[in-house]
Amino acid sequence: MEFGHIILASASPRRKELLLQIGIRPEIVVSHVEEKVSSDVPQEVVMELASQKARDVAQTAPAGSVVIGADTVVAIDGQILGKPATHEEAAAMVRHLSGRTHQVYTGVCLILKGKEKDRERIFFDEADVQIDPMTDEEIAEYAAGTEPMDKAGAYAVQGFFARYIRGIRGSHANVMGLPVNRVYQELKLLLGGEDA
């Protein structure tokens, strides 16, 4: 199925790769909207941020194009883990995840630009990620590297940290930043004329 002109409102190379993997070649237009959240519930936060990014980029998108905005957070016990600012913070986050199961949420907003009215679909996807127990030495070694520093929850599923991930229940692509199976299904609904 052809989706026409797709715009990805994200600079994430992983999100672009995931779309390419399923046959979608997006134009990249990065949103510079100032992110504001009115909730601390992970599912609501990711949908709110995804919507802000998509709507920002959609303002200048041509009619007939589809804008994809996305936001991913890592959460444990309902608390969002952001990107660590220091290696010490990275170590604390990883220690918290060690030997436990946590959640990764990705919110997605799809906007079909109309001549007069836009159509939207907003949703989130959730995956459970199980981490093996880690020794203090393993935590210190990992946290001292560069990998955790620009990653939500201090890790990337496709990086070095994969050695500690016992399993994922849900979409692996969601944990990487974009649940492409769900995106594909929602694009079909959006372009097929069903209202959100």
N, C-alpha and C. Protein backbone atom coordinates (compact mmCIF):
# COMPACT_ATOMS: atom_id res chain seq x y z
N MET A 1 0.85 -1.19 0.00
CA MET A 1 0.00 0.00 0.00
C MET A 1 0.88 1.24 0.00
N GLU A 2 0.56 2.20 -0.88
CA GLU A 2 1.32 3.45 -0.96
C GLU A 2 0.67 4.49 -0.05
N PHE A 3 1.50 5.20 0.70
CA PHE A 3 0.96 6.19 1.63
C PHE A 3 1.22 7.62 1.17
N GLY A 4 1.85 7.81 0.02
CA GLY A 4 2.10 9.16 -0.47
C GLY A 4 3.23 9.83 0.29
N HIS A 5 3.09 11.14 0.46
CA HIS A 5 4.15 11.95 1.08
C HIS A 5 4.08 11.85 2.59
N ILE A 6 5.08 11.21 3.20
CA ILE A 6 5.13 11.04 4.66
C ILE A 6 6.23 11.94 5.20
N ILE A 7 5.90 12.71 6.24
CA ILE A 7 6.87 13.58 6.91
C ILE A 7 7.06 13.07 8.33
N LEU A 8 8.30 12.81 8.69
CA LEU A 8 8.62 12.38 10.06
C LEU A 8 9.10 13.58 10.85
N ALA A 9 8.35 13.92 11.90
CA ALA A 9 8.67 15.11 12.72
C ALA A 9 9.67 14.72 13.81
N SER A 10 10.79 14.15 13.40
CA SER A 10 11.78 13.66 14.36
C SER A 10 13.15 13.57 13.70
N ALA A 11 14.18 13.89 14.47
CA ALA A 11 15.55 13.77 13.97
C ALA A 11 16.14 12.40 14.28
N SER A 12 15.35 11.54 14.90
CA SER A 12 15.85 10.23 15.33
C SER A 12 16.21 9.33 14.15
N PRO A 13 17.48 8.95 14.03
CA PRO A 13 17.84 8.05 12.93
C PRO A 13 17.18 6.69 13.07
N ARG A 14 16.91 6.27 14.30
CA ARG A 14 16.25 4.97 14.51
C ARG A 14 14.83 4.98 13.98
N ARG A 15 14.10 6.06 14.22
CA ARG A 15 12.72 6.12 13.72
C ARG A 15 12.70 6.11 12.19
N LYS A 16 13.63 6.83 11.59
CA LYS A 16 13.72 6.85 10.13
C LYS A 16 14.03 5.44 9.61
N GLU A 17 14.99 4.77 10.23
CA GLU A 17 15.36 3.40 9.82
C GLU A 17 14.17 2.45 9.93
N LEU A 18 13.41 2.59 11.00
CA LEU A 18 12.26 1.70 11.20
C LEU A 18 11.21 1.90 10.11
N LEU A 19 10.98 3.16 9.72
CA LEU A 19 10.03 3.42 8.63
C LEU A 19 10.55 2.87 7.31
N LEU A 20 11.84 3.08 7.05
CA LEU A 20 12.44 2.54 5.82
C LEU A 20 12.30 1.02 5.77
N GLN A 21 12.44 0.40 6.92
CA GLN A 21 12.34 -1.06 7.02
C GLN A 21 10.98 -1.57 6.54
N ILE A 22 9.93 -0.78 6.76
CA ILE A 22 8.59 -1.21 6.32
C ILE A 22 8.15 -0.53 5.02
N GLY A 23 9.14 0.02 4.30
CA GLY A 23 8.86 0.54 2.96
C GLY A 23 8.34 1.96 2.89
N ILE A 24 8.51 2.71 3.97
CA ILE A 24 8.07 4.12 3.98
C ILE A 24 9.31 5.00 3.97
N ARG A 25 9.42 5.88 2.96
CA ARG A 25 10.58 6.79 2.86
C ARG A 25 10.14 8.19 3.31
N PRO A 26 10.38 8.53 4.56
CA PRO A 26 9.89 9.81 5.06
C PRO A 26 10.80 10.98 4.73
N GLU A 27 10.17 12.13 4.57
CA GLU A 27 10.94 13.39 4.57
C GLU A 27 11.11 13.75 6.04
N ILE A 28 12.29 14.22 6.42
CA ILE A 28 12.54 14.59 7.82
C ILE A 28 12.35 16.09 7.99
N VAL A 29 11.42 16.47 8.86
CA VAL A 29 11.23 17.88 9.23
C VAL A 29 11.15 17.91 10.76
N VAL A 30 12.20 18.41 11.37
CA VAL A 30 12.29 18.36 12.82
C VAL A 30 11.43 19.46 13.45
N SER A 31 10.66 19.07 14.46
CA SER A 31 9.85 20.03 15.20
C SER A 31 10.74 20.76 16.20
N HIS A 32 10.51 22.08 16.32
CA HIS A 32 11.25 22.86 17.31
C HIS A 32 10.30 23.45 18.36
N VAL A 33 9.14 22.79 18.50
CA VAL A 33 8.15 23.26 19.47
C VAL A 33 8.72 23.09 20.88
N GLU A 34 8.36 24.03 21.75
CA GLU A 34 8.76 23.90 23.15
C GLU A 34 7.82 22.90 23.81
N GLU A 35 8.39 21.78 24.23
CA GLU A 35 7.55 20.69 24.75
C GLU A 35 7.00 21.05 26.13
N LYS A 36 5.69 20.88 26.26
CA LYS A 36 5.04 21.13 27.56
C LYS A 36 4.14 19.94 27.85
N VAL A 37 4.18 19.47 29.09
CA VAL A 37 3.30 18.36 29.46
C VAL A 37 2.40 18.75 30.63
N SER A 38 1.18 18.26 30.59
CA SER A 38 0.23 18.59 31.65
C SER A 38 -0.07 17.37 32.51
N SER A 39 0.70 16.29 32.30
CA SER A 39 0.46 15.04 33.02
C SER A 39 1.79 14.43 33.43
N ASP A 40 1.75 13.52 34.41
CA ASP A 40 2.96 12.74 34.71
C ASP A 40 2.69 11.26 34.49
N VAL A 41 1.56 10.95 33.85
CA VAL A 41 1.23 9.57 33.50
C VAL A 41 1.94 9.25 32.18
N PRO A 42 2.81 8.24 32.17
CA PRO A 42 3.64 8.00 30.98
C PRO A 42 2.86 7.92 29.66
N GLN A 43 1.73 7.19 29.66
CA GLN A 43 0.94 7.04 28.42
C GLN A 43 0.44 8.39 27.91
N GLU A 44 0.00 9.24 28.83
CA GLU A 44 -0.53 10.56 28.45
C GLU A 44 0.60 11.49 28.00
N VAL A 45 1.74 11.41 28.68
CA VAL A 45 2.89 12.26 28.34
C VAL A 45 3.34 12.01 26.91
N VAL A 46 3.50 10.72 26.54
CA VAL A 46 4.02 10.43 25.19
C VAL A 46 3.03 10.85 24.10
N MET A 47 1.74 10.70 24.37
CA MET A 47 0.75 11.11 23.36
C MET A 47 0.71 12.63 23.23
N GLU A 48 0.84 13.32 24.36
CA GLU A 48 0.83 14.79 24.36
C GLU A 48 2.04 15.33 23.58
N LEU A 49 3.23 14.78 23.86
CA LEU A 49 4.44 15.26 23.19
C LEU A 49 4.45 14.91 21.71
N ALA A 50 3.99 13.71 21.37
CA ALA A 50 3.91 13.30 19.96
C ALA A 50 2.98 14.24 19.20
N SER A 51 1.86 14.60 19.82
CA SER A 51 0.89 15.49 19.19
C SER A 51 1.47 16.89 18.98
N GLN A 52 2.19 17.40 19.98
CA GLN A 52 2.79 18.73 19.86
C GLN A 52 3.77 18.77 18.69
N LYS A 53 4.61 17.74 18.57
CA LYS A 53 5.60 17.69 17.49
C LYS A 53 4.91 17.61 16.13
N ALA A 54 3.93 16.70 16.02
CA ALA A 54 3.24 16.51 14.73
C ALA A 54 2.49 17.77 14.32
N ARG A 55 1.78 18.39 15.26
CA ARG A 55 1.00 19.60 14.93
C ARG A 55 1.90 20.76 14.54
N ASP A 56 3.06 20.87 15.19
CA ASP A 56 4.01 21.92 14.86
C ASP A 56 4.46 21.78 13.41
N VAL A 57 4.86 20.58 13.01
CA VAL A 57 5.35 20.35 11.65
C VAL A 57 4.20 20.42 10.64
N ALA A 58 3.01 19.97 11.04
CA ALA A 58 1.86 19.95 10.13
C ALA A 58 1.44 21.36 9.68
N GLN A 59 1.76 22.37 10.48
CA GLN A 59 1.37 23.74 10.13
C GLN A 59 1.89 24.15 8.76
N THR A 60 3.07 23.66 8.38
CA THR A 60 3.66 24.06 7.11
C THR A 60 3.70 22.91 6.10
N ALA A 61 3.07 21.80 6.43
CA ALA A 61 3.08 20.64 5.52
C ALA A 61 2.07 20.83 4.40
N PRO A 62 2.39 20.34 3.19
CA PRO A 62 1.44 20.47 2.08
C PRO A 62 0.23 19.56 2.25
N ALA A 63 -0.91 19.99 1.68
CA ALA A 63 -2.13 19.18 1.73
C ALA A 63 -1.87 17.82 1.10
N GLY A 64 -2.45 16.79 1.71
CA GLY A 64 -2.29 15.43 1.19
C GLY A 64 -1.15 14.68 1.83
N SER A 65 -0.28 15.39 2.55
CA SER A 65 0.83 14.69 3.20
C SER A 65 0.41 14.19 4.58
N VAL A 66 1.16 13.23 5.09
CA VAL A 66 0.91 12.70 6.43
C VAL A 66 2.13 13.00 7.29
N VAL A 67 1.87 13.62 8.45
CA VAL A 67 2.94 13.93 9.40
C VAL A 67 2.90 12.91 10.52
N ILE A 68 4.08 12.38 10.87
CA ILE A 68 4.19 11.43 11.98
C ILE A 68 5.02 12.08 13.08
N GLY A 69 4.40 12.24 14.25
CA GLY A 69 5.12 12.71 15.44
C GLY A 69 5.19 11.56 16.43
N ALA A 70 6.31 11.43 17.14
CA ALA A 70 6.45 10.34 18.10
C ALA A 70 7.27 10.78 19.30
N ASP A 71 7.02 10.15 20.43
CA ASP A 71 7.81 10.39 21.63
C ASP A 71 7.85 9.10 22.43
N THR A 72 9.01 8.78 22.97
CA THR A 72 9.20 7.53 23.72
C THR A 72 9.72 7.83 25.11
N VAL A 73 9.15 7.15 26.11
CA VAL A 73 9.69 7.24 27.47
C VAL A 73 9.86 5.85 28.05
N VAL A 74 10.80 5.77 28.98
CA VAL A 74 11.02 4.57 29.78
C VAL A 74 10.44 4.86 31.16
N ALA A 75 9.68 3.90 31.69
CA ALA A 75 9.07 4.12 33.01
C ALA A 75 9.20 2.86 33.86
N ILE A 76 9.36 3.06 35.16
CA ILE A 76 9.36 1.94 36.10
C ILE A 76 8.54 2.37 37.31
N ASP A 77 7.66 1.49 37.75
CA ASP A 77 6.72 1.82 38.84
C ASP A 77 5.92 3.08 38.53
N GLY A 78 5.62 3.30 37.23
CA GLY A 78 4.83 4.45 36.83
C GLY A 78 5.61 5.76 36.78
N GLN A 79 6.90 5.72 37.12
CA GLN A 79 7.75 6.92 37.11
C GLN A 79 8.57 6.96 35.82
N ILE A 80 8.55 8.11 35.16
CA ILE A 80 9.31 8.27 33.92
C ILE A 80 10.80 8.48 34.22
N LEU A 81 11.64 7.73 33.51
CA LEU A 81 13.08 7.93 33.60
C LEU A 81 13.52 8.71 32.37
N GLY A 82 14.06 9.88 32.57
CA GLY A 82 14.48 10.71 31.45
C GLY A 82 15.87 10.31 30.96
N LYS A 83 16.55 11.26 30.32
CA LYS A 83 17.92 11.02 29.88
C LYS A 83 18.85 11.46 31.01
N PRO A 84 19.81 10.61 31.37
CA PRO A 84 20.70 10.99 32.48
C PRO A 84 21.59 12.18 32.12
N ALA A 85 21.79 13.06 33.07
CA ALA A 85 22.64 14.23 32.84
C ALA A 85 24.09 13.94 33.17
N THR A 86 24.31 12.93 34.03
CA THR A 86 25.67 12.58 34.44
C THR A 86 25.83 11.06 34.42
N HIS A 87 27.06 10.60 34.48
CA HIS A 87 27.31 9.15 34.54
C HIS A 87 26.79 8.56 35.85
N GLU A 88 26.81 9.37 36.91
CA GLU A 88 26.29 8.92 38.20
C GLU A 88 24.78 8.70 38.11
N GLU A 89 24.12 9.62 37.43
CA GLU A 89 22.67 9.48 37.23
C GLU A 89 22.37 8.25 36.38
N ALA A 90 23.19 8.01 35.37
CA ALA A 90 23.01 6.82 34.52
C ALA A 90 23.14 5.55 35.36
N ALA A 91 24.13 5.53 36.24
CA ALA A 91 24.33 4.37 37.11
C ALA A 91 23.13 4.15 38.02
N ALA A 92 22.59 5.23 38.56
CA ALA A 92 21.42 5.12 39.44
C ALA A 92 20.21 4.56 38.68
N MET A 93 20.02 5.04 37.44
CA MET A 93 18.89 4.55 36.63
C MET A 93 19.04 3.05 36.33
N VAL A 94 20.24 2.67 35.90
CA VAL A 94 20.48 1.27 35.54
C VAL A 94 20.33 0.38 36.77
N ARG A 95 20.80 0.86 37.92
CA ARG A 95 20.65 0.10 39.17
C ARG A 95 19.17 -0.13 39.47
N HIS A 96 18.36 0.88 39.19
CA HIS A 96 16.92 0.79 39.42
C HIS A 96 16.26 -0.24 38.49
N LEU A 97 16.77 -0.35 37.26
CA LEU A 97 16.21 -1.28 36.27
C LEU A 97 16.70 -2.71 36.46
N SER A 98 17.88 -2.86 37.05
CA SER A 98 18.53 -4.16 37.19
C SER A 98 17.64 -5.19 37.90
N GLY A 99 17.49 -6.34 37.24
CA GLY A 99 16.72 -7.44 37.84
C GLY A 99 15.22 -7.24 37.85
N ARG A 100 14.75 -6.24 37.12
CA ARG A 100 13.31 -5.93 37.15
C ARG A 100 12.75 -5.80 35.74
N THR A 101 11.43 -5.71 35.68
CA THR A 101 10.74 -5.46 34.42
C THR A 101 10.22 -4.03 34.44
N HIS A 102 10.48 -3.30 33.36
CA HIS A 102 9.97 -1.93 33.26
C HIS A 102 9.21 -1.77 31.95
N GLN A 103 8.65 -0.59 31.74
CA GLN A 103 7.82 -0.34 30.57
C GLN A 103 8.45 0.71 29.66
N VAL A 104 8.24 0.52 28.37
CA VAL A 104 8.61 1.54 27.39
C VAL A 104 7.32 1.93 26.67
N TYR A 105 7.03 3.22 26.65
CA TYR A 105 5.84 3.74 25.99
C TYR A 105 6.26 4.64 24.83
N THR A 106 5.64 4.43 23.69
CA THR A 106 5.82 5.37 22.58
C THR A 106 4.45 5.90 22.18
N GLY A 107 4.34 7.22 22.19
CA GLY A 107 3.14 7.88 21.71
C GLY A 107 3.34 8.27 20.26
N VAL A 108 2.29 8.16 19.46
CA VAL A 108 2.37 8.51 18.05
C VAL A 108 1.17 9.37 17.68
N CYS A 109 1.42 10.42 16.91
CA CYS A 109 0.34 11.24 16.35
C CYS A 109 0.52 11.26 14.84
N LEU A 110 -0.51 10.84 14.12
CA LEU A 110 -0.53 10.88 12.66
C LEU A 110 -1.50 11.98 12.24
N ILE A 111 -1.05 12.87 11.39
CA ILE A 111 -1.92 13.94 10.89
C ILE A 111 -1.95 13.89 9.37
N LEU A 112 -3.14 13.73 8.82
CA LEU A 112 -3.33 13.81 7.37
C LEU A 112 -3.75 15.24 7.06
N LYS A 113 -2.89 15.95 6.33
CA LYS A 113 -3.17 17.35 6.01
C LYS A 113 -4.26 17.42 4.94
N GLY A 114 -5.35 18.10 5.28
CA GLY A 114 -6.42 18.31 4.32
C GLY A 114 -6.36 19.72 3.76
N LYS A 115 -7.15 19.97 2.72
CA LYS A 115 -7.18 21.33 2.17
C LYS A 115 -7.84 22.29 3.15
N GLU A 116 -8.89 21.80 3.82
CA GLU A 116 -9.58 22.65 4.80
C GLU A 116 -9.45 22.13 6.22
N LYS A 117 -9.50 20.81 6.37
CA LYS A 117 -9.49 20.23 7.72
C LYS A 117 -8.51 19.07 7.77
N ASP A 118 -7.71 19.03 8.84
CA ASP A 118 -6.78 17.92 9.03
C ASP A 118 -7.48 16.77 9.75
N ARG A 119 -6.98 15.57 9.55
CA ARG A 119 -7.48 14.41 10.30
C ARG A 119 -6.34 13.83 11.11
N GLU A 120 -6.65 13.39 12.33
CA GLU A 120 -5.62 12.90 13.25
C GLU A 120 -5.95 11.53 13.80
N ARG A 121 -4.90 10.79 14.09
CA ARG A 121 -5.02 9.58 14.91
C ARG A 121 -3.89 9.65 15.94
N ILE A 122 -4.24 9.49 17.21
CA ILE A 122 -3.26 9.56 18.30
C ILE A 122 -3.38 8.28 19.13
N PHE A 123 -2.25 7.66 19.40
CA PHE A 123 -2.27 6.41 20.16
C PHE A 123 -0.93 6.21 20.85
N PHE A 124 -0.87 5.20 21.73
CA PHE A 124 0.42 4.84 22.33
C PHE A 124 0.56 3.33 22.28
N ASP A 125 1.80 2.89 22.35
CA ASP A 125 2.10 1.47 22.38
C ASP A 125 2.97 1.22 23.62
N GLU A 126 2.82 0.06 24.21
CA GLU A 126 3.53 -0.26 25.44
C GLU A 126 4.24 -1.59 25.31
N ALA A 127 5.45 -1.68 25.81
CA ALA A 127 6.18 -2.94 25.85
C ALA A 127 6.80 -3.11 27.23
N ASP A 128 6.86 -4.36 27.70
CA ASP A 128 7.54 -4.68 28.96
C ASP A 128 8.94 -5.18 28.63
N VAL A 129 9.93 -4.64 29.31
CA VAL A 129 11.32 -5.04 29.08
C VAL A 129 11.88 -5.61 30.39
N GLN A 130 12.37 -6.84 30.30
CA GLN A 130 12.89 -7.53 31.48
C GLN A 130 14.42 -7.48 31.47
N ILE A 131 14.98 -6.96 32.55
CA ILE A 131 16.43 -6.80 32.66
C ILE A 131 16.98 -7.83 33.66
N ASP A 132 18.05 -8.52 33.27
CA ASP A 132 18.70 -9.45 34.20
C ASP A 132 19.33 -8.67 35.35
N PRO A 133 19.51 -9.34 36.49
CA PRO A 133 20.25 -8.69 37.58
C PRO A 133 21.67 -8.37 37.11
N MET A 134 22.15 -7.18 37.47
CA MET A 134 23.50 -6.74 37.08
C MET A 134 24.35 -6.55 38.33
N THR A 135 25.63 -6.86 38.22
CA THR A 135 26.54 -6.65 39.35
C THR A 135 26.90 -5.16 39.42
N ASP A 136 27.41 -4.75 40.57
CA ASP A 136 27.86 -3.36 40.73
C ASP A 136 28.92 -3.02 39.68
N GLU A 137 29.78 -3.99 39.39
CA GLU A 137 30.85 -3.80 38.41
C GLU A 137 30.26 -3.58 37.01
N GLU A 138 29.27 -4.38 36.66
CA GLU A 138 28.62 -4.24 35.34
C GLU A 138 27.93 -2.88 35.22
N ILE A 139 27.25 -2.47 36.30
CA ILE A 139 26.55 -1.17 36.29
C ILE A 139 27.56 -0.04 36.13
N ALA A 140 28.65 -0.09 36.89
CA ALA A 140 29.68 0.96 36.83
C ALA A 140 30.32 1.02 35.46
N GLU A 141 30.64 -0.14 34.89
CA GLU A 141 31.29 -0.19 33.57
C GLU A 141 30.37 0.39 32.51
N TYR A 142 29.10 -0.02 32.54
CA TYR A 142 28.16 0.45 31.53
C TYR A 142 27.92 1.96 31.67
N ALA A 143 27.67 2.41 32.90
CA ALA A 143 27.33 3.82 33.15
C ALA A 143 28.49 4.76 32.81
N ALA A 144 29.72 4.26 32.84
CA ALA A 144 30.88 5.10 32.55
C ALA A 144 31.05 5.37 31.05
N GLY A 145 30.36 4.60 30.21
CA GLY A 145 30.50 4.75 28.76
C GLY A 145 29.65 5.88 28.20
N THR A 146 29.66 6.02 26.88
CA THR A 146 28.90 7.10 26.23
C THR A 146 27.46 6.68 25.93
N GLU A 147 27.20 5.37 25.79
CA GLU A 147 25.87 4.91 25.36
C GLU A 147 24.70 5.44 26.19
N PRO A 148 24.80 5.42 27.54
CA PRO A 148 23.61 5.81 28.31
C PRO A 148 23.28 7.30 28.27
N MET A 149 24.21 8.14 27.80
CA MET A 149 24.07 9.57 28.03
C MET A 149 22.96 10.29 27.27
N ASP A 150 22.60 9.83 26.09
CA ASP A 150 21.52 10.55 25.39
C ASP A 150 20.30 9.65 25.19
N LYS A 151 20.15 8.68 26.11
CA LYS A 151 19.06 7.70 25.97
C LYS A 151 18.10 7.79 27.15
N ALA A 152 16.81 7.77 26.84
CA ALA A 152 15.80 7.71 27.89
C ALA A 152 16.01 6.41 28.67
N GLY A 153 16.04 6.52 30.00
CA GLY A 153 16.24 5.33 30.81
C GLY A 153 17.68 4.84 30.80
N ALA A 154 18.58 5.59 30.15
CA ALA A 154 20.02 5.32 30.11
C ALA A 154 20.41 4.10 29.29
N TYR A 155 19.55 3.67 28.35
CA TYR A 155 19.98 2.55 27.51
C TYR A 155 19.29 2.58 26.15
N ALA A 156 19.89 1.84 25.21
CA ALA A 156 19.29 1.63 23.89
C ALA A 156 19.21 0.12 23.68
N VAL A 157 18.03 -0.35 23.30
CA VAL A 157 17.82 -1.79 23.14
C VAL A 157 18.74 -2.37 22.07
N GLN A 158 19.13 -1.54 21.10
CA GLN A 158 19.97 -2.03 20.00
C GLN A 158 21.46 -1.80 20.27
N GLY A 159 21.79 -1.37 21.49
CA GLY A 159 23.18 -1.08 21.82
C GLY A 159 23.81 -2.14 22.70
N PHE A 160 24.90 -1.75 23.37
CA PHE A 160 25.67 -2.63 24.25
C PHE A 160 24.79 -3.21 25.36
N PHE A 161 23.81 -2.43 25.80
CA PHE A 161 22.94 -2.84 26.91
C PHE A 161 22.12 -4.08 26.59
N ALA A 162 22.02 -4.44 25.30
CA ALA A 162 21.26 -5.63 24.90
C ALA A 162 21.72 -6.89 25.64
N ARG A 163 22.98 -6.91 26.07
CA ARG A 163 23.50 -8.08 26.79
C ARG A 163 22.78 -8.31 28.12
N TYR A 164 22.09 -7.29 28.63
CA TYR A 164 21.39 -7.42 29.92
C TYR A 164 19.87 -7.59 29.76
N ILE A 165 19.39 -7.50 28.53
CA ILE A 165 17.93 -7.58 28.31
C ILE A 165 17.51 -9.03 28.11
N ARG A 166 16.80 -9.56 29.09
CA ARG A 166 16.37 -10.96 29.04
C ARG A 166 15.25 -11.15 28.03
N GLY A 167 14.32 -10.20 27.99
CA GLY A 167 13.21 -10.37 27.06
C GLY A 167 12.36 -9.13 26.95
N ILE A 168 11.58 -9.09 25.88
CA ILE A 168 10.66 -7.99 25.62
C ILE A 168 9.29 -8.58 25.33
N ARG A 169 8.28 -8.11 26.05
CA ARG A 169 6.91 -8.51 25.74
C ARG A 169 6.24 -7.31 25.09
N GLY A 170 5.94 -7.46 23.81
CA GLY A 170 5.39 -6.34 23.05
C GLY A 170 6.27 -6.08 21.84
N SER A 171 6.13 -4.91 21.26
CA SER A 171 6.84 -4.56 20.02
C SER A 171 8.29 -4.16 20.30
N HIS A 172 9.22 -4.89 19.67
CA HIS A 172 10.64 -4.55 19.77
C HIS A 172 10.88 -3.17 19.15
N ALA A 173 10.18 -2.90 18.03
CA ALA A 173 10.33 -1.60 17.35
C ALA A 173 9.87 -0.46 18.26
N ASN A 174 8.83 -0.71 19.07
CA ASN A 174 8.36 0.31 20.02
C ASN A 174 9.48 0.69 20.98
N VAL A 175 10.23 -0.30 21.45
CA VAL A 175 11.32 -0.03 22.39
C VAL A 175 12.42 0.77 21.70
N MET A 176 12.56 0.60 20.38
CA MET A 176 13.55 1.38 19.62
C MET A 176 13.05 2.79 19.32
N GLY A 177 11.74 3.05 19.49
CA GLY A 177 11.24 4.41 19.31
C GLY A 177 10.07 4.60 18.38
N LEU A 178 9.61 3.52 17.71
CA LEU A 178 8.44 3.67 16.83
C LEU A 178 7.81 2.30 16.57
N PRO A 179 6.59 2.07 17.09
CA PRO A 179 5.94 0.78 16.88
C PRO A 179 5.38 0.67 15.46
N VAL A 180 6.24 0.28 14.51
CA VAL A 180 5.90 0.40 13.09
C VAL A 180 4.71 -0.46 12.65
N ASN A 181 4.51 -1.60 13.31
CA ASN A 181 3.33 -2.40 12.96
C ASN A 181 2.06 -1.60 13.24
N ARG A 182 1.99 -1.02 14.41
CA ARG A 182 0.80 -0.22 14.79
C ARG A 182 0.70 1.03 13.90
N VAL A 183 1.83 1.65 13.60
CA VAL A 183 1.83 2.83 12.72
C VAL A 183 1.24 2.47 11.36
N TYR A 184 1.67 1.34 10.82
CA TYR A 184 1.17 0.88 9.50
C TYR A 184 -0.35 0.68 9.55
N GLN A 185 -0.83 -0.01 10.60
CA GLN A 185 -2.28 -0.26 10.71
C GLN A 185 -3.06 1.04 10.86
N GLU A 186 -2.52 1.97 11.65
CA GLU A 186 -3.20 3.26 11.87
C GLU A 186 -3.17 4.13 10.62
N LEU A 187 -2.08 4.05 9.85
CA LEU A 187 -2.02 4.79 8.57
C LEU A 187 -3.11 4.30 7.62
N LYS A 188 -3.33 2.99 7.58
CA LYS A 188 -4.38 2.44 6.71
C LYS A 188 -5.75 2.98 7.12
N LEU A 189 -5.99 3.06 8.43
CA LEU A 189 -7.27 3.59 8.91
C LEU A 189 -7.40 5.08 8.58
N LEU A 190 -6.33 5.82 8.81
CA LEU A 190 -6.34 7.27 8.55
C LEU A 190 -6.61 7.57 7.07
N LEU A 191 -5.91 6.86 6.20
CA LEU A 191 -6.04 7.11 4.77
C LEU A 191 -7.25 6.43 4.17
N GLY A 192 -7.79 5.47 4.92
CA GLY A 192 -9.00 4.77 4.44
C GLY A 192 -10.28 5.53 4.74
N GLY A 193 -10.14 6.63 5.48
CA GLY A 193 -11.30 7.48 5.70
C GLY A 193 -12.02 7.29 7.03
N GLU A 194 -11.48 6.41 7.89
CA GLU A 194 -12.13 6.23 9.20
C GLU A 194 -11.66 7.32 10.15
N ASP A 195 -12.61 7.87 10.89
CA ASP A 195 -12.26 8.95 11.83
C ASP A 195 -11.68 8.35 13.10
N ALA A 196 -10.78 9.10 13.68
CA ALA A 196 -10.16 8.66 14.94
C ALA A 196 -11.17 8.73 16.07
